[in-house]
N, C-alpha and C. Protein backbone atom coordinates (compact mmCIF):
# COMPACT_ATOMS: atom_id res chain seq x y z
N MET A 1 85.59 18.83 162.17
CA MET A 1 86.21 20.11 162.47
C MET A 1 87.72 19.94 162.40
N VAL A 2 88.37 20.86 161.73
CA VAL A 2 89.82 20.81 161.56
C VAL A 2 90.49 21.68 162.61
N ASP A 3 91.49 21.11 163.26
CA ASP A 3 92.26 21.87 164.25
C ASP A 3 93.26 22.74 163.50
N ARG A 4 93.09 24.03 163.51
CA ARG A 4 93.95 24.96 162.76
C ARG A 4 95.35 25.09 163.36
N ASN A 5 95.56 24.53 164.55
CA ASN A 5 96.89 24.56 165.15
C ASN A 5 97.80 23.46 164.61
N ILE A 6 97.21 22.49 163.93
CA ILE A 6 97.98 21.41 163.34
C ILE A 6 98.08 21.68 161.85
N ARG A 7 99.34 21.70 161.36
CA ARG A 7 99.53 21.93 159.93
C ARG A 7 100.70 21.11 159.45
N SER A 8 100.73 20.92 158.16
CA SER A 8 101.80 20.14 157.55
C SER A 8 103.07 20.96 157.48
N LEU A 9 104.21 20.26 157.55
CA LEU A 9 105.49 20.92 157.31
C LEU A 9 106.51 19.89 156.87
N LEU A 10 107.50 20.36 156.17
CA LEU A 10 108.61 19.52 155.75
C LEU A 10 109.60 19.46 156.90
N LEU A 11 110.10 18.28 157.18
CA LEU A 11 111.07 18.10 158.24
C LEU A 11 112.36 17.54 157.64
N GLY A 12 113.45 18.27 157.83
CA GLY A 12 114.75 17.81 157.35
C GLY A 12 115.65 17.49 158.52
N LEU A 13 116.23 16.29 158.51
CA LEU A 13 117.14 15.87 159.56
C LEU A 13 118.47 15.47 158.92
N GLY A 14 119.55 16.08 159.39
CA GLY A 14 120.88 15.73 158.91
C GLY A 14 121.66 15.06 160.03
N PHE A 15 122.30 13.95 159.71
CA PHE A 15 123.00 13.17 160.73
C PHE A 15 124.51 13.10 160.51
N ASP A 16 125.04 13.92 159.60
CA ASP A 16 126.46 13.79 159.26
C ASP A 16 127.35 14.88 159.87
N CYS A 17 126.86 15.58 160.88
CA CYS A 17 127.63 16.65 161.49
C CYS A 17 128.74 16.09 162.38
N LYS A 18 129.96 16.49 162.11
CA LYS A 18 131.09 16.05 162.92
C LYS A 18 131.83 17.21 163.59
N ASP A 19 131.36 18.46 163.31
CA ASP A 19 132.04 19.62 163.87
C ASP A 19 131.44 20.12 165.18
N GLY A 20 130.38 19.44 165.66
CA GLY A 20 129.76 19.82 166.92
C GLY A 20 128.82 21.01 166.84
N HIS A 21 128.69 21.60 165.67
CA HIS A 21 127.83 22.76 165.50
C HIS A 21 126.38 22.30 165.38
N VAL A 22 125.47 22.97 166.09
CA VAL A 22 124.05 22.65 166.03
C VAL A 22 123.40 23.60 165.02
N ARG A 23 122.89 23.03 163.95
CA ARG A 23 122.27 23.84 162.90
C ARG A 23 120.75 23.63 162.93
N ILE A 24 120.02 24.74 163.00
CA ILE A 24 118.56 24.71 163.01
C ILE A 24 118.08 25.84 162.10
N THR A 25 117.18 25.49 161.20
CA THR A 25 116.57 26.51 160.34
C THR A 25 115.06 26.30 160.36
N ARG A 26 114.35 27.38 160.63
CA ARG A 26 112.90 27.35 160.61
C ARG A 26 112.43 28.28 159.51
N GLY A 27 111.46 27.83 158.75
CA GLY A 27 110.91 28.66 157.70
C GLY A 27 109.46 28.32 157.46
N VAL A 28 108.86 29.02 156.52
CA VAL A 28 107.48 28.73 156.16
C VAL A 28 107.42 27.31 155.62
N ASN A 29 106.64 26.48 156.22
CA ASN A 29 106.43 25.09 155.80
C ASN A 29 107.56 24.14 156.13
N PHE A 30 108.63 24.56 156.78
CA PHE A 30 109.71 23.62 157.03
C PHE A 30 110.47 23.88 158.32
N ARG A 31 111.08 22.79 158.82
CA ARG A 31 112.00 22.83 159.95
C ARG A 31 113.17 21.92 159.58
N LEU A 32 114.38 22.42 159.74
CA LEU A 32 115.58 21.67 159.40
C LEU A 32 116.48 21.59 160.62
N TYR A 33 116.97 20.40 160.92
CA TYR A 33 117.80 20.19 162.09
C TYR A 33 119.03 19.38 161.72
N GLY A 34 120.18 19.84 162.20
CA GLY A 34 121.40 19.07 162.09
C GLY A 34 122.06 19.10 160.73
N GLY A 35 122.97 18.16 160.56
CA GLY A 35 123.71 18.03 159.33
C GLY A 35 124.99 18.83 159.34
N SER A 36 125.88 18.45 158.45
CA SER A 36 127.11 19.22 158.24
C SER A 36 126.73 20.55 157.60
N LYS A 37 127.69 21.42 157.46
CA LYS A 37 127.44 22.71 156.82
C LYS A 37 126.86 22.50 155.42
N ASP A 38 127.47 21.60 154.66
CA ASP A 38 127.01 21.34 153.28
C ASP A 38 125.64 20.69 153.24
N THR A 39 125.43 19.70 154.11
CA THR A 39 124.13 19.02 154.14
C THR A 39 123.03 19.97 154.54
N HIS A 40 123.27 20.80 155.53
CA HIS A 40 122.25 21.74 155.99
C HIS A 40 121.93 22.76 154.89
N ALA A 41 122.95 23.21 154.20
CA ALA A 41 122.74 24.15 153.09
C ALA A 41 121.90 23.51 151.99
N LEU A 42 122.15 22.23 151.71
CA LEU A 42 121.37 21.51 150.69
C LEU A 42 119.91 21.37 151.14
N MET A 43 119.70 21.06 152.41
CA MET A 43 118.33 20.96 152.91
C MET A 43 117.62 22.31 152.79
N GLN A 44 118.33 23.40 153.10
CA GLN A 44 117.73 24.74 152.97
C GLN A 44 117.34 25.01 151.52
N GLU A 45 118.24 24.69 150.61
CA GLU A 45 117.98 24.91 149.19
C GLU A 45 116.73 24.14 148.73
N LYS A 46 116.64 22.88 149.12
CA LYS A 46 115.50 22.05 148.71
C LYS A 46 114.19 22.56 149.33
N ALA A 47 114.22 22.97 150.58
CA ALA A 47 113.02 23.49 151.23
C ALA A 47 112.54 24.77 150.55
N ILE A 48 113.46 25.63 150.21
CA ILE A 48 113.11 26.88 149.52
C ILE A 48 112.53 26.59 148.14
N LYS A 49 113.17 25.66 147.42
CA LYS A 49 112.65 25.29 146.09
C LYS A 49 111.27 24.66 146.19
N PHE A 50 111.06 23.85 147.23
CA PHE A 50 109.74 23.25 147.43
C PHE A 50 108.70 24.35 147.61
N ASN A 51 108.99 25.33 148.45
CA ASN A 51 108.06 26.43 148.67
C ASN A 51 107.81 27.24 147.40
N GLU A 52 108.85 27.40 146.58
CA GLU A 52 108.67 28.11 145.31
C GLU A 52 107.71 27.36 144.40
N GLN A 53 107.82 26.03 144.37
CA GLN A 53 106.91 25.21 143.56
C GLN A 53 105.47 25.33 144.08
N LEU A 54 105.31 25.35 145.40
CA LEU A 54 103.98 25.52 145.97
C LEU A 54 103.39 26.86 145.54
N LYS A 55 104.20 27.90 145.62
CA LYS A 55 103.74 29.24 145.25
C LYS A 55 103.33 29.29 143.78
N GLU A 56 104.13 28.65 142.92
CA GLU A 56 103.81 28.61 141.49
C GLU A 56 102.47 27.92 141.24
N ARG A 57 102.15 26.93 142.06
CA ARG A 57 100.89 26.19 141.92
C ARG A 57 99.73 26.90 142.61
N GLY A 58 100.06 27.94 143.39
CA GLY A 58 99.02 28.66 144.10
C GLY A 58 98.41 27.86 145.23
N LYS A 59 99.22 26.99 145.86
CA LYS A 59 98.72 26.12 146.91
C LYS A 59 99.62 26.19 148.13
N THR A 60 99.08 25.72 149.25
CA THR A 60 99.88 25.57 150.46
C THR A 60 100.24 24.10 150.61
N LEU A 61 101.14 23.81 151.52
CA LEU A 61 101.53 22.43 151.78
C LEU A 61 100.33 21.61 152.23
N ASP A 62 99.43 22.21 152.98
CA ASP A 62 98.23 21.51 153.45
C ASP A 62 97.25 21.19 152.33
N GLU A 63 97.37 21.87 151.20
CA GLU A 63 96.40 21.71 150.12
C GLU A 63 96.82 20.73 149.02
N ILE A 64 98.05 20.30 149.02
CA ILE A 64 98.49 19.42 147.93
C ILE A 64 98.23 17.95 148.27
N SER A 65 98.02 17.18 147.22
CA SER A 65 97.82 15.74 147.38
C SER A 65 99.17 15.04 147.48
N ARG A 66 99.12 13.77 147.81
CA ARG A 66 100.34 12.96 147.86
C ARG A 66 101.01 12.92 146.48
N VAL A 67 100.21 12.84 145.43
CA VAL A 67 100.75 12.83 144.07
C VAL A 67 101.45 14.14 143.76
N GLU A 68 100.83 15.26 144.13
CA GLU A 68 101.45 16.57 143.91
C GLU A 68 102.73 16.71 144.72
N PHE A 69 102.72 16.19 145.96
CA PHE A 69 103.92 16.24 146.79
C PHE A 69 105.07 15.51 146.08
N LYS A 70 104.78 14.31 145.61
CA LYS A 70 105.81 13.52 144.92
C LYS A 70 106.29 14.21 143.65
N ASP A 71 105.37 14.85 142.93
CA ASP A 71 105.73 15.57 141.71
C ASP A 71 106.68 16.72 142.01
N ILE A 72 106.35 17.50 143.03
CA ILE A 72 107.22 18.62 143.42
C ILE A 72 108.57 18.09 143.87
N ALA A 73 108.56 17.07 144.71
CA ALA A 73 109.81 16.49 145.21
C ALA A 73 110.69 16.04 144.04
N GLN A 74 110.10 15.37 143.08
CA GLN A 74 110.85 14.91 141.91
C GLN A 74 111.39 16.10 141.11
N ASN A 75 110.60 17.13 140.95
CA ASN A 75 111.01 18.32 140.19
C ASN A 75 112.22 19.01 140.81
N ILE A 76 112.35 18.95 142.14
CA ILE A 76 113.46 19.64 142.79
C ILE A 76 114.61 18.71 143.16
N GLY A 77 114.47 17.43 142.79
CA GLY A 77 115.56 16.50 143.01
C GLY A 77 115.58 15.78 144.35
N LEU A 78 114.42 15.73 145.02
CA LEU A 78 114.33 14.96 146.27
C LEU A 78 113.93 13.53 145.97
N THR A 79 114.40 12.61 146.77
CA THR A 79 114.02 11.22 146.64
C THR A 79 113.01 10.90 147.73
N ILE A 80 111.89 10.34 147.35
CA ILE A 80 110.84 9.99 148.29
C ILE A 80 110.82 8.46 148.42
N PRO A 81 110.99 7.95 149.64
CA PRO A 81 110.94 6.50 149.81
C PRO A 81 109.55 5.97 149.48
N PRO A 82 109.45 4.72 149.02
CA PRO A 82 108.13 4.17 148.70
C PRO A 82 107.25 4.10 149.93
N HIS A 83 105.96 4.29 149.73
CA HIS A 83 104.98 4.26 150.82
C HIS A 83 104.08 3.06 150.61
N ASN A 84 103.90 2.27 151.66
CA ASN A 84 103.05 1.08 151.56
C ASN A 84 101.60 1.43 151.66
């Protein structure tokens, strides 16, 4: 049985904020925290592009495979660290 309260989401963390401003963005499939103004804007852009790719494929984040995740990430310019 699958717990419908648990779902996948993209998590973006920015650590380069020096202006003291707390930036938080919540959206469909993603949560973004922190970062400078520029870093946070870049995270927003990538999260939106990721969602656009999901929509084009007719899938949700919960429905894609690890290979599809990596393919989308590569298509939008994200770097995925190697997984053991």
